[in-house]
N, C-alpha and C. Protein backbone atom coordinates (compact mmCIF):
# COMPACT_ATOMS: atom_id res chain seq x y z
N MET A 1 -7.89 -8.43 8.65
CA MET A 1 -8.97 -8.14 7.74
C MET A 1 -8.45 -8.48 6.04
N ASN A 2 -8.59 -9.40 4.98
CA ASN A 2 -9.91 -9.75 3.78
C ASN A 2 -10.30 -8.56 3.02
N PHE A 3 -10.02 -7.73 2.25
CA PHE A 3 -11.00 -6.98 1.30
C PHE A 3 -11.18 -8.08 0.81
N VAL A 4 -12.42 -8.02 -0.67
CA VAL A 4 -12.79 -9.07 -1.62
C VAL A 4 -12.57 -7.48 -2.86
N TYR A 5 -12.49 -7.66 -3.90
CA TYR A 5 -12.37 -6.74 -4.85
C TYR A 5 -12.65 -7.31 -6.57
N ASP A 6 -13.04 -7.61 -6.85
CA ASP A 6 -13.57 -7.71 -7.64
C ASP A 6 -14.02 -9.65 -8.25
N GLY A 7 -14.66 -10.01 -7.71
CA GLY A 7 -14.38 -11.43 -7.15
C GLY A 7 -13.87 -12.32 -6.47
N ALA A 8 -12.04 -11.89 -6.20
CA ALA A 8 -10.76 -12.54 -5.72
C ALA A 8 -10.41 -11.64 -4.25
N GLU A 9 -10.90 -13.06 -4.08
CA GLU A 9 -10.60 -12.61 -2.29
C GLU A 9 -8.38 -12.62 -1.68
N ALA A 10 -8.40 -11.51 -1.19
CA ALA A 10 -6.88 -11.83 -0.97
C ALA A 10 -6.43 -13.01 -0.29
N SER A 11 -5.61 -13.70 -0.32
CA SER A 11 -5.32 -15.24 0.11
C SER A 11 -4.35 -15.09 1.62
N GLY A 12 -3.84 -13.92 1.82
CA GLY A 12 -3.29 -13.47 3.39
C GLY A 12 -2.02 -13.97 3.16
N ALA A 13 -1.30 -14.71 2.41
CA ALA A 13 -0.20 -14.52 2.16
C ALA A 13 1.09 -13.01 1.78
N GLU A 14 2.06 -13.09 1.83
CA GLU A 14 3.12 -12.52 1.83
C GLU A 14 3.88 -11.83 0.54
N PRO A 15 4.25 -11.10 -0.14
CA PRO A 15 3.73 -9.94 -0.77
C PRO A 15 2.26 -10.92 -1.29
N HIS A 16 1.25 -9.93 -1.72
CA HIS A 16 0.02 -10.02 -2.17
C HIS A 16 0.33 -10.00 -4.36
N GLY A 17 -0.05 -10.82 -4.82
CA GLY A 17 -0.14 -10.88 -5.75
C GLY A 17 1.79 -11.28 -6.40
N PRO A 18 2.24 -10.90 -7.80
CA PRO A 18 3.39 -11.58 -8.06
C PRO A 18 4.24 -10.74 -7.53
N GLU A 19 5.40 -11.09 -7.17
CA GLU A 19 6.63 -10.01 -6.63
C GLU A 19 6.95 -9.65 -7.79
N PRO A 20 7.19 -7.58 -7.90
CA PRO A 20 7.78 -7.01 -9.04
C PRO A 20 8.43 -7.60 -9.60
N VAL A 21 9.35 -7.32 -10.99
CA VAL A 21 10.32 -7.92 -11.40
C VAL A 21 11.26 -7.06 -12.39
N GLY A 22 11.87 -6.27 -11.88
CA GLY A 22 13.26 -4.82 -12.00
C GLY A 22 12.06 -4.08 -11.34
N GLY A 23 11.65 -4.47 -10.45
CA GLY A 23 11.00 -3.04 -10.37
C GLY A 23 9.37 -2.62 -10.29
N ARG A 24 8.64 -2.97 -10.92
CA ARG A 24 7.57 -2.99 -11.92
C ARG A 24 6.76 -4.51 -12.01
N VAL A 25 5.87 -4.31 -11.75
CA VAL A 25 4.90 -5.53 -12.09
C VAL A 25 3.88 -5.45 -13.10
N PRO A 26 4.12 -6.89 -13.98
CA PRO A 26 2.70 -6.23 -15.44
C PRO A 26 1.97 -5.75 -15.15
N ARG A 27 1.14 -4.55 -16.09
CA ARG A 27 -0.34 -4.31 -15.99
C ARG A 27 -0.63 -5.19 -16.05
N GLY A 28 -0.63 -6.52 -16.73
CA GLY A 28 -1.92 -7.34 -16.41
C GLY A 28 -2.35 -8.21 -15.39
N SER A 29 -1.49 -8.31 -14.45
CA SER A 29 -1.33 -8.66 -12.96
C SER A 29 -1.92 -8.49 -11.69
N ARG A 30 -2.69 -6.49 -12.05
CA ARG A 30 -3.32 -5.78 -11.17
C ARG A 30 -4.60 -6.11 -11.26
N THR A 31 -5.60 -6.76 -12.56
CA THR A 31 -6.49 -6.90 -12.65
C THR A 31 -7.74 -7.78 -11.77
N GLY A 32 -8.28 -7.04 -10.40
CA GLY A 32 -9.24 -8.14 -9.58
C GLY A 32 -8.28 -8.60 -8.25
N ARG A 33 -7.63 -7.65 -8.60
CA ARG A 33 -6.79 -7.69 -6.72
C ARG A 33 -7.16 -7.20 -5.78
N ALA A 34 -6.86 -8.14 -4.91
CA ALA A 34 -7.46 -7.88 -3.85
C ALA A 34 -6.03 -6.86 -3.11
N PHE A 35 -5.67 -6.28 -1.88
CA PHE A 35 -5.21 -4.85 -1.25
C PHE A 35 -5.60 -5.38 0.05
N GLU A 36 -5.18 -6.06 1.07
CA GLU A 36 -5.08 -5.71 2.88
C GLU A 36 -4.69 -4.54 3.71
N LYS A 37 -5.46 -5.11 4.39
CA LYS A 37 -4.64 -4.17 5.01
C LYS A 37 -3.92 -3.33 6.09
N ASP A 38 -2.92 -2.12 5.68
CA ASP A 38 -1.76 -2.37 5.73
C ASP A 38 -0.26 -2.12 4.96
N ASP A 39 -1.41 -2.91 3.58
CA ASP A 39 -0.22 -3.09 2.24
C ASP A 39 0.22 -1.57 1.95
N VAL A 40 2.05 -2.30 1.45
CA VAL A 40 2.47 -0.68 0.98
C VAL A 40 1.90 -1.26 -0.82
N VAL A 41 1.46 0.04 -1.77
CA VAL A 41 0.75 0.00 -2.43
C VAL A 41 1.72 0.70 -3.24
N ARG A 42 2.06 1.70 -4.83
CA ARG A 42 1.44 2.40 -5.09
C ARG A 42 0.72 2.74 -6.27
N ASP A 43 0.54 4.12 -5.84
CA ASP A 43 -0.73 4.55 -6.17
C ASP A 43 -0.28 4.93 -7.95
N THR A 44 -0.53 4.35 -8.82
CA THR A 44 0.05 5.23 -10.27
C THR A 44 -0.09 5.65 -10.92
N ARG A 45 -1.59 6.28 -10.77
CA ARG A 45 -2.15 7.46 -10.77
C ARG A 45 -1.76 8.52 -10.90
N LYS A 46 -1.69 9.35 -9.01
CA LYS A 46 -1.16 9.70 -8.61
C LYS A 46 1.08 9.45 -8.04
N ASP A 47 1.69 8.31 -8.48
CA ASP A 47 2.65 8.23 -8.32
C ASP A 47 3.19 8.58 -6.87
N ARG A 48 2.27 7.78 -6.19
CA ARG A 48 2.85 8.21 -4.68
C ARG A 48 2.26 6.59 -3.81
N ILE A 49 3.76 6.53 -3.22
CA ILE A 49 3.66 5.61 -1.82
C ILE A 49 2.72 5.36 -0.98
N GLY A 50 1.56 5.07 -0.96
CA GLY A 50 0.80 4.09 0.19
C GLY A 50 -0.06 3.42 1.55
N VAL A 51 0.25 3.54 2.49
CA VAL A 51 -0.37 2.50 3.36
C VAL A 51 -1.86 2.09 3.33
N VAL A 52 -2.86 1.06 2.56
CA VAL A 52 -4.22 0.85 2.99
C VAL A 52 -4.33 0.83 3.74
N MET A 53 -5.38 1.44 4.19
CA MET A 53 -6.23 2.22 6.10
C MET A 53 -7.54 0.75 5.40
N ASP A 54 -7.84 1.18 4.42
CA ASP A 54 -9.88 0.84 4.06
C ASP A 54 -9.92 0.37 2.78
N LYS A 55 -11.06 0.25 2.39
CA LYS A 55 -11.23 0.52 2.01
C LYS A 55 -13.21 0.45 1.50
N VAL A 56 -13.69 1.32 0.95
CA VAL A 56 -15.31 1.79 1.10
C VAL A 56 -15.49 1.43 -0.39
N GLY A 57 -16.43 0.61 -0.87
CA GLY A 57 -16.95 0.65 -2.22
C GLY A 57 -15.82 -0.21 -2.76
N PRO A 58 -15.45 0.30 -4.41
CA PRO A 58 -14.90 0.10 -5.18
C PRO A 58 -13.22 0.38 -4.38
N ARG A 59 -12.89 1.72 -4.27
CA ARG A 59 -11.98 2.10 -4.20
C ARG A 59 -11.88 1.99 -2.38
N TYR A 60 -10.11 2.56 -2.62
CA TYR A 60 -9.23 2.69 -0.96
C TYR A 60 -8.56 2.86 -0.63
N GLN A 61 -8.65 3.41 0.51
CA GLN A 61 -7.95 4.75 1.30
C GLN A 61 -6.89 4.48 2.19
N LEU A 62 -5.30 5.27 1.49
CA LEU A 62 -4.48 5.85 1.02
C LEU A 62 -3.63 6.25 2.32
N ARG A 63 -2.74 6.28 2.61
CA ARG A 63 -2.45 6.73 3.68
C ARG A 63 -0.94 7.33 2.96
N PRO A 64 0.50 8.67 3.48
CA PRO A 64 1.56 8.28 3.31
C PRO A 64 2.43 7.13 4.29
N PRO A 65 2.87 7.02 3.89
CA PRO A 65 4.02 5.70 4.89
C PRO A 65 4.04 5.91 6.27
N ALA A 66 4.73 7.62 6.69
CA ALA A 66 5.21 8.44 7.59
C ALA A 66 4.23 9.37 8.44
N GLY A 67 2.62 9.10 7.64
CA GLY A 67 1.08 9.48 7.77
C GLY A 67 1.16 10.96 7.39
N GLY A 68 -0.27 11.45 7.61
CA GLY A 68 -0.36 12.92 6.62
C GLY A 68 -1.73 12.14 6.49
N ARG A 69 -2.85 13.23 5.99
CA ARG A 69 -3.90 13.36 4.51
C ARG A 69 -3.55 11.65 3.89
N GLU A 70 -5.31 11.32 4.44
CA GLU A 70 -5.55 10.12 2.90
C GLU A 70 -5.94 10.79 1.91
N TRP A 71 -6.24 10.11 1.47
CA TRP A 71 -6.30 9.89 0.02
C TRP A 71 -6.90 8.53 -0.74
N GLU A 72 -8.05 8.66 -2.10
CA GLU A 72 -8.30 7.52 -2.71
C GLU A 72 -7.70 7.15 -3.43
N ALA A 73 -7.97 5.33 -4.27
CA ALA A 73 -7.32 5.12 -4.91
C ALA A 73 -8.25 3.92 -5.44
N ALA A 74 -8.63 3.70 -6.76
CA ALA A 74 -9.30 2.74 -6.77
C ALA A 74 -7.98 1.94 -7.26
N ALA A 75 -8.35 0.07 -7.12
CA ALA A 75 -6.77 -0.84 -7.33
C ALA A 75 -6.43 -1.37 -8.70
N ALA A 76 -7.68 -0.93 -9.74
CA ALA A 76 -7.05 -0.82 -11.04
C ALA A 76 -5.82 0.12 -10.86
N ASP A 77 -5.48 1.14 -10.16
CA ASP A 77 -4.37 2.07 -10.39
C ASP A 77 -3.53 1.47 -9.34
N MET A 78 -3.69 0.92 -8.48
CA MET A 78 -2.83 0.18 -7.43
C MET A 78 -2.14 -0.60 -7.61
N GLU A 79 -0.33 -0.78 -7.20
CA GLU A 79 -0.06 -1.98 -7.96
C GLU A 79 1.21 -2.12 -6.44
N PRO A 80 1.46 -2.98 -5.78
CA PRO A 80 2.22 -3.43 -4.84
C PRO A 80 4.19 -2.73 -4.87
N VAL A 81 4.33 -3.11 -4.30
CA VAL A 81 5.78 -2.18 -4.27
C VAL A 81 6.70 -3.57 -4.47
N PRO A 82 7.91 -3.32 -4.39
CA PRO A 82 8.80 -4.20 -4.09
C PRO A 82 9.65 -4.30 -2.30
N ALA A 83 10.24 -5.19 -2.04
CA ALA A 83 10.34 -4.89 -1.32
C ALA A 83 10.99 -4.19 -0.73
N ALA A 84 12.16 -3.74 -1.31
CA ALA A 84 12.81 -2.64 -0.70
C ALA A 84 11.97 -1.92 0.15
N VAL A 85 10.80 -1.06 -0.98
CA VAL A 85 10.21 -0.34 -1.08
C VAL A 85 9.57 -0.34 0.26
N ARG A 86 8.76 -1.52 0.62
CA ARG A 86 7.73 -1.91 1.41
C ARG A 86 8.51 -1.70 2.65
N LEU A 87 10.51 -2.34 2.62
CA LEU A 87 10.81 -2.09 4.02
C LEU A 87 11.50 -0.23 4.30
N GLY A 88 11.24 0.07 3.38
CA GLY A 88 11.56 2.18 4.04
C GLY A 88 10.79 2.89 3.76
N ALA A 89 9.04 1.86 3.68
CA ALA A 89 7.50 3.03 3.81
C ALA A 89 8.21 2.56 5.87
N ARG A 90 7.94 0.81 6.12
CA ARG A 90 7.99 0.94 7.28
C ARG A 90 8.73 1.49 8.15
N VAL A 91 10.01 2.03 7.65
CA VAL A 91 10.78 2.21 8.44
C VAL A 91 10.67 3.86 9.33
N ALA A 92 10.57 4.64 7.57
CA ALA A 92 9.94 5.86 8.21
C ALA A 92 8.24 6.00 8.76
N GLU A 93 7.85 5.12 8.87
CA GLU A 93 6.64 4.76 9.63
C GLU A 93 7.23 4.64 11.30
N ALA A 94 8.23 3.99 11.54
CA ALA A 94 8.60 3.96 12.62
C ALA A 94 9.20 4.80 13.58
N ASN A 95 10.03 5.73 12.14
CA ASN A 95 10.60 6.87 12.67
C ASN A 95 9.81 8.18 13.10
N ALA A 96 9.19 8.38 12.12
CA ALA A 96 7.97 9.35 13.00
C ALA A 96 7.39 9.61 14.01
N ALA A 97 6.58 7.78 14.42
CA ALA A 97 5.86 7.41 15.61
C ALA A 97 6.49 7.43 17.17
N SER A 98 8.10 7.25 16.48
CA SER A 98 9.49 7.59 17.89
C SER A 98 9.14 9.52 17.68
N ARG A 99 9.35 9.48 16.41
CA ARG A 99 9.27 11.74 16.88
C ARG A 99 8.21 11.83 17.76
N ARG A 100 7.18 10.87 17.41
CA ARG A 100 5.89 11.89 18.05
C ARG A 100 5.41 11.60 19.34
N ARG A 101 6.42 10.48 19.21
CA ARG A 101 6.81 9.44 21.34
C ARG A 101 7.91 10.93 21.32
N PHE A 102 8.65 10.85 21.43
CA PHE A 102 9.35 11.30 22.37
C PHE A 102 10.36 12.98 21.54
N GLY A 103 9.85 13.51 20.84
CA GLY A 103 9.97 14.78 20.21
C GLY A 103 11.08 14.74 19.96
N ALA A 104 11.44 15.34 18.45
CA ALA A 104 12.70 15.58 17.49
C ALA A 104 14.20 16.52 18.47
N VAL A 105 15.09 14.61 18.34
CA VAL A 105 15.99 15.48 18.55
C VAL A 105 16.88 16.43 18.15
N GLN A 106 17.66 17.33 17.97
CA GLN A 106 18.75 18.17 17.95
C GLN A 106 19.73 19.14 18.43
């Protein structure tokens, strides 16, 4: 599913937008950014990592990678994360799913 924001349509290429340099994406590169469902992003306003769940109007719904309460963020306050952070978020999701399915081992 592609979301459209500010007239720019997501191409479907991974990662979306420029690759972070030194863990940061230049501020100007966020203008007109489109994010897709399941993209891992950083909400710069709340300094939280989240997974894009949906888009309603100009705002995106994000949730923590391992599950939890969703929150909203504007595209201007979001930036893609480096590959290592994306991988860590996916591992957290897999671990949480495993704990839910099989129960925590003690």
